[in-house]
Amino acid sequence: MVEKLRIELVSTNVESLQKVSREFKEAGEKMGVRIKGPIPLPTKRLRITTLRNPSGEGTNKFDRYELRIHKRIIDVLNPDERFIRKIMGITIPDDVKVSIVMMA
């Protein structure tokens, strides 16, 4: 039997990530399963600076771009089969990536 279920959520959109993690938590509370989380992990920032003028002539002007990647972890202790089926039915937006790891 599975003793622990770890759900990892990754997204660039914080609002949709919070919504999905809230749905997972509410599903667990309705089923009476112990849940730890959602635990926010540090935000990864990917930064790119590019020269705006391709020839390099004139004054140097730069464009700065940033992509933020947000992560949440939800630990479910002693999940039953009903809970696993319930979370498989939750609709997840396209910008949220979910990975589920079962630990014995």
N, C-alpha and C. Protein backbone atom coordinates (compact mmCIF):
# COMPACT_ATOMS: atom_id res chain seq x y z
N MET A 1 0.84 -1.19 0.00
CA MET A 1 0.00 0.00 0.00
C MET A 1 0.88 1.25 0.00
N VAL A 2 0.39 2.29 -0.61
CA VAL A 2 1.12 3.55 -0.69
C VAL A 2 1.00 4.27 0.65
N GLU A 3 2.16 4.67 1.21
CA GLU A 3 2.15 5.39 2.47
C GLU A 3 2.13 6.89 2.28
N LYS A 4 2.71 7.35 1.17
CA LYS A 4 2.82 8.78 0.94
C LYS A 4 2.72 9.07 -0.55
N LEU A 5 2.05 10.16 -0.86
CA LEU A 5 1.88 10.60 -2.23
C LEU A 5 2.42 12.03 -2.29
N ARG A 6 3.37 12.29 -3.19
CA ARG A 6 3.91 13.63 -3.34
C ARG A 6 3.45 14.19 -4.68
N ILE A 7 2.78 15.34 -4.63
CA ILE A 7 2.29 16.01 -5.82
C ILE A 7 3.12 17.28 -6.00
N GLU A 8 3.78 17.40 -7.14
CA GLU A 8 4.59 18.58 -7.43
C GLU A 8 3.94 19.35 -8.56
N LEU A 9 3.67 20.62 -8.32
CA LEU A 9 3.04 21.50 -9.29
C LEU A 9 4.04 22.56 -9.74
N VAL A 10 4.17 22.76 -11.05
CA VAL A 10 5.11 23.73 -11.62
C VAL A 10 4.36 24.56 -12.65
N SER A 11 4.53 25.90 -12.58
CA SER A 11 3.86 26.77 -13.52
C SER A 11 4.54 28.13 -13.59
N THR A 12 4.29 28.84 -14.69
CA THR A 12 4.75 30.22 -14.80
C THR A 12 3.64 31.20 -14.40
N ASN A 13 2.43 30.69 -14.22
CA ASN A 13 1.28 31.52 -13.85
C ASN A 13 0.90 31.21 -12.40
N VAL A 14 1.06 32.18 -11.50
CA VAL A 14 0.83 31.96 -10.08
C VAL A 14 -0.64 31.71 -9.78
N GLU A 15 -1.54 32.43 -10.45
CA GLU A 15 -2.96 32.31 -10.15
C GLU A 15 -3.48 30.90 -10.44
N SER A 16 -3.13 30.36 -11.60
CA SER A 16 -3.60 29.02 -11.94
C SER A 16 -2.94 27.97 -11.05
N LEU A 17 -1.70 28.21 -10.64
CA LEU A 17 -1.02 27.29 -9.73
C LEU A 17 -1.71 27.26 -8.37
N GLN A 18 -2.07 28.43 -7.85
CA GLN A 18 -2.76 28.51 -6.56
C GLN A 18 -4.13 27.84 -6.65
N LYS A 19 -4.82 28.03 -7.76
CA LYS A 19 -6.16 27.45 -7.94
C LYS A 19 -6.09 25.93 -7.92
N VAL A 20 -5.13 25.35 -8.65
CA VAL A 20 -5.00 23.89 -8.72
C VAL A 20 -4.60 23.33 -7.36
N SER A 21 -3.66 24.00 -6.67
CA SER A 21 -3.24 23.50 -5.36
C SER A 21 -4.38 23.59 -4.35
N ARG A 22 -5.22 24.61 -4.45
CA ARG A 22 -6.38 24.73 -3.57
C ARG A 22 -7.38 23.60 -3.83
N GLU A 23 -7.56 23.24 -5.11
CA GLU A 23 -8.47 22.15 -5.45
C GLU A 23 -7.97 20.81 -4.90
N PHE A 24 -6.65 20.58 -4.99
CA PHE A 24 -6.08 19.35 -4.42
C PHE A 24 -6.30 19.30 -2.91
N LYS A 25 -6.06 20.42 -2.25
CA LYS A 25 -6.22 20.48 -0.79
C LYS A 25 -7.68 20.28 -0.38
N GLU A 26 -8.61 20.92 -1.08
CA GLU A 26 -10.03 20.77 -0.76
C GLU A 26 -10.49 19.33 -0.99
N ALA A 27 -9.99 18.68 -2.03
CA ALA A 27 -10.36 17.29 -2.30
C ALA A 27 -9.88 16.39 -1.16
N GLY A 28 -8.69 16.65 -0.65
CA GLY A 28 -8.16 15.86 0.45
C GLY A 28 -8.93 16.08 1.74
N GLU A 29 -9.33 17.32 2.00
CA GLU A 29 -10.09 17.61 3.22
C GLU A 29 -11.47 16.97 3.17
N LYS A 30 -12.10 16.95 2.00
CA LYS A 30 -13.42 16.32 1.87
C LYS A 30 -13.34 14.81 2.08
N MET A 31 -12.22 14.20 1.62
CA MET A 31 -12.07 12.75 1.74
C MET A 31 -11.54 12.33 3.11
N GLY A 32 -11.10 13.29 3.92
CA GLY A 32 -10.58 12.97 5.24
C GLY A 32 -9.16 12.45 5.22
N VAL A 33 -8.36 12.89 4.25
CA VAL A 33 -6.97 12.45 4.12
C VAL A 33 -6.07 13.55 4.68
N ARG A 34 -5.00 13.16 5.39
CA ARG A 34 -4.06 14.15 5.93
C ARG A 34 -3.19 14.70 4.81
N ILE A 35 -3.13 16.03 4.72
CA ILE A 35 -2.38 16.70 3.66
C ILE A 35 -1.43 17.71 4.29
N LYS A 36 -0.19 17.72 3.83
CA LYS A 36 0.79 18.74 4.21
C LYS A 36 1.03 19.61 3.00
N GLY A 37 0.74 20.87 3.12
CA GLY A 37 1.01 21.76 2.00
C GLY A 37 -0.21 22.53 1.59
N PRO A 38 -0.15 23.23 0.52
CA PRO A 38 0.92 23.33 -0.47
C PRO A 38 2.13 24.10 0.08
N ILE A 39 3.31 23.53 -0.10
CA ILE A 39 4.56 24.12 0.36
C ILE A 39 5.18 24.87 -0.82
N PRO A 40 5.32 26.20 -0.72
CA PRO A 40 5.93 26.95 -1.84
C PRO A 40 7.44 26.78 -1.83
N LEU A 41 7.99 26.46 -2.97
CA LEU A 41 9.44 26.39 -3.15
C LEU A 41 9.92 27.71 -3.73
N PRO A 42 11.22 28.01 -3.62
CA PRO A 42 11.71 29.29 -4.16
C PRO A 42 11.43 29.43 -5.66
N THR A 43 11.11 30.64 -6.06
CA THR A 43 10.80 30.93 -7.46
C THR A 43 12.10 31.01 -8.25
N LYS A 44 12.14 30.29 -9.37
CA LYS A 44 13.32 30.33 -10.24
C LYS A 44 13.11 31.45 -11.25
N ARG A 45 14.09 32.31 -11.37
CA ARG A 45 14.01 33.43 -12.31
C ARG A 45 15.03 33.23 -13.42
N LEU A 46 14.53 33.16 -14.64
CA LEU A 46 15.40 33.06 -15.80
C LEU A 46 15.45 34.43 -16.46
N ARG A 47 16.64 35.02 -16.51
CA ARG A 47 16.79 36.38 -17.03
C ARG A 47 17.61 36.38 -18.31
N ILE A 48 17.16 37.18 -19.27
CA ILE A 48 17.89 37.35 -20.53
C ILE A 48 17.97 38.85 -20.82
N THR A 49 19.18 39.33 -21.12
CA THR A 49 19.40 40.72 -21.51
C THR A 49 19.91 40.71 -22.94
N THR A 50 19.23 41.47 -23.81
CA THR A 50 19.63 41.52 -25.22
C THR A 50 19.89 42.96 -25.64
N LEU A 51 20.80 43.12 -26.58
CA LEU A 51 21.09 44.43 -27.14
C LEU A 51 19.99 44.78 -28.14
N ARG A 52 19.36 45.93 -27.96
CA ARG A 52 18.23 46.31 -28.79
C ARG A 52 18.66 46.64 -30.22
N ASN A 53 19.80 47.29 -30.39
CA ASN A 53 20.29 47.69 -31.71
C ASN A 53 21.17 46.56 -32.25
N PRO A 54 20.77 45.89 -33.34
CA PRO A 54 21.54 44.74 -33.81
C PRO A 54 22.92 45.08 -34.37
N SER A 55 23.12 46.31 -34.86
CA SER A 55 24.40 46.65 -35.47
C SER A 55 25.43 47.06 -34.43
N GLY A 56 24.99 47.50 -33.27
CA GLY A 56 25.92 47.95 -32.24
C GLY A 56 26.31 49.40 -32.38
N GLU A 57 25.79 50.09 -33.40
CA GLU A 57 26.09 51.50 -33.61
C GLU A 57 25.23 52.36 -32.68
N GLY A 58 25.75 53.49 -32.30
CA GLY A 58 24.99 54.42 -31.48
C GLY A 58 25.05 54.04 -30.00
N THR A 59 24.09 54.55 -29.24
CA THR A 59 24.10 54.27 -27.80
C THR A 59 23.60 52.84 -27.56
N ASN A 60 24.11 52.26 -26.52
CA ASN A 60 23.73 50.90 -26.17
C ASN A 60 22.41 50.92 -25.40
N LYS A 61 21.40 50.28 -25.97
CA LYS A 61 20.10 50.14 -25.30
C LYS A 61 19.81 48.67 -25.21
N PHE A 62 19.35 48.25 -24.05
CA PHE A 62 19.13 46.83 -23.80
C PHE A 62 17.68 46.56 -23.45
N ASP A 63 17.21 45.38 -23.84
CA ASP A 63 15.91 44.87 -23.40
C ASP A 63 16.18 43.78 -22.38
N ARG A 64 15.40 43.78 -21.30
CA ARG A 64 15.56 42.77 -20.27
C ARG A 64 14.27 41.96 -20.16
N TYR A 65 14.41 40.65 -20.24
CA TYR A 65 13.27 39.75 -20.14
C TYR A 65 13.48 38.82 -18.95
N GLU A 66 12.36 38.42 -18.33
CA GLU A 66 12.44 37.54 -17.18
C GLU A 66 11.29 36.55 -17.22
N LEU A 67 11.59 35.29 -16.96
CA LEU A 67 10.58 34.24 -16.86
C LEU A 67 10.65 33.68 -15.45
N ARG A 68 9.54 33.69 -14.75
CA ARG A 68 9.49 33.18 -13.38
C ARG A 68 8.79 31.83 -13.36
N ILE A 69 9.43 30.86 -12.71
CA ILE A 69 8.88 29.51 -12.59
C ILE A 69 8.57 29.26 -11.12
N HIS A 70 7.29 29.00 -10.83
CA HIS A 70 6.82 28.79 -9.47
C HIS A 70 6.57 27.31 -9.23
N LYS A 71 6.86 26.84 -8.01
CA LYS A 71 6.66 25.43 -7.66
C LYS A 71 5.94 25.32 -6.33
N ARG A 72 5.10 24.29 -6.23
CA ARG A 72 4.42 23.95 -4.98
C ARG A 72 4.51 22.44 -4.80
N ILE A 73 4.64 22.00 -3.54
CA ILE A 73 4.66 20.57 -3.22
C ILE A 73 3.54 20.30 -2.25
N ILE A 74 2.79 19.23 -2.51
CA ILE A 74 1.71 18.79 -1.61
C ILE A 74 2.02 17.34 -1.25
N ASP A 75 2.12 17.05 0.05
CA ASP A 75 2.33 15.69 0.54
C ASP A 75 1.03 15.16 1.10
N VAL A 76 0.64 13.98 0.64
CA VAL A 76 -0.58 13.33 1.10
C VAL A 76 -0.15 12.07 1.85
N LEU A 77 -0.56 11.99 3.12
CA LEU A 77 -0.18 10.84 3.95
C LEU A 77 -1.29 9.81 3.94
N ASN A 78 -0.94 8.56 3.67
CA ASN A 78 -1.86 7.42 3.63
C ASN A 78 -3.08 7.67 2.75
N PRO A 79 -2.88 7.93 1.45
CA PRO A 79 -4.03 8.15 0.57
C PRO A 79 -4.74 6.83 0.26
N ASP A 80 -6.04 6.89 0.10
CA ASP A 80 -6.78 5.69 -0.31
C ASP A 80 -7.08 5.78 -1.80
N GLU A 81 -7.63 4.72 -2.33
CA GLU A 81 -7.88 4.64 -3.77
C GLU A 81 -8.92 5.66 -4.22
N ARG A 82 -9.90 5.95 -3.38
CA ARG A 82 -10.92 6.94 -3.73
C ARG A 82 -10.31 8.32 -3.94
N PHE A 83 -9.35 8.67 -3.06
CA PHE A 83 -8.70 9.99 -3.18
C PHE A 83 -7.90 10.08 -4.47
N ILE A 84 -7.18 9.02 -4.82
CA ILE A 84 -6.37 9.03 -6.04
C ILE A 84 -7.26 9.20 -7.27
N ARG A 85 -8.40 8.52 -7.28
CA ARG A 85 -9.34 8.68 -8.41
C ARG A 85 -9.92 10.08 -8.45
N LYS A 86 -10.17 10.65 -7.26
CA LYS A 86 -10.74 12.00 -7.18
C LYS A 86 -9.77 13.03 -7.76
N ILE A 87 -8.46 12.94 -7.42
CA ILE A 87 -7.51 13.93 -7.91
C ILE A 87 -7.21 13.74 -9.39
N MET A 88 -7.41 12.53 -9.91
CA MET A 88 -7.22 12.32 -11.35
C MET A 88 -8.32 13.01 -12.16
N GLY A 89 -9.46 13.29 -11.53
CA GLY A 89 -10.57 13.93 -12.22
C GLY A 89 -10.54 15.45 -12.18
N ILE A 90 -9.57 16.03 -11.47
CA ILE A 90 -9.49 17.49 -11.37
C ILE A 90 -8.97 18.05 -12.69
N THR A 91 -9.65 19.09 -13.20
CA THR A 91 -9.21 19.72 -14.44
C THR A 91 -8.01 20.62 -14.15
N ILE A 92 -6.98 20.47 -14.97
CA ILE A 92 -5.74 21.20 -14.77
C ILE A 92 -5.49 22.05 -16.01
N PRO A 93 -5.21 23.36 -15.83
CA PRO A 93 -4.92 24.22 -16.98
C PRO A 93 -3.66 23.77 -17.73
N ASP A 94 -3.52 24.23 -18.96
CA ASP A 94 -2.39 23.83 -19.79
C ASP A 94 -1.05 24.35 -19.27
N ASP A 95 -1.07 25.48 -18.54
CA ASP A 95 0.20 26.06 -18.09
C ASP A 95 0.69 25.48 -16.76
N VAL A 96 -0.01 24.53 -16.17
CA VAL A 96 0.41 23.88 -14.93
C VAL A 96 0.85 22.46 -15.22
N LYS A 97 2.06 22.13 -14.81
CA LYS A 97 2.59 20.77 -14.97
C LYS A 97 2.50 20.06 -13.62
N VAL A 98 1.98 18.83 -13.64
CA VAL A 98 1.79 18.07 -12.41
C VAL A 98 2.58 16.77 -12.50
N SER A 99 3.32 16.46 -11.42
CA SER A 99 3.96 15.16 -11.34
C SER A 99 3.58 14.55 -9.99
N ILE A 100 3.20 13.28 -10.02
CA ILE A 100 2.76 12.57 -8.82
C ILE A 100 3.72 11.40 -8.60
N VAL A 101 4.28 11.33 -7.40
CA VAL A 101 5.21 10.28 -7.03
C VAL A 101 4.61 9.52 -5.85
N MET A 102 4.53 8.19 -5.99
CA MET A 102 4.04 7.35 -4.90
C MET A 102 5.23 6.76 -4.17
N MET A 103 5.25 6.94 -2.86
CA MET A 103 6.34 6.43 -2.03
C MET A 103 5.82 5.34 -1.10
N ALA A 104 6.58 4.27 -0.97
CA ALA A 104 6.15 3.16 -0.11
C ALA A 104 6.63 3.36 1.32
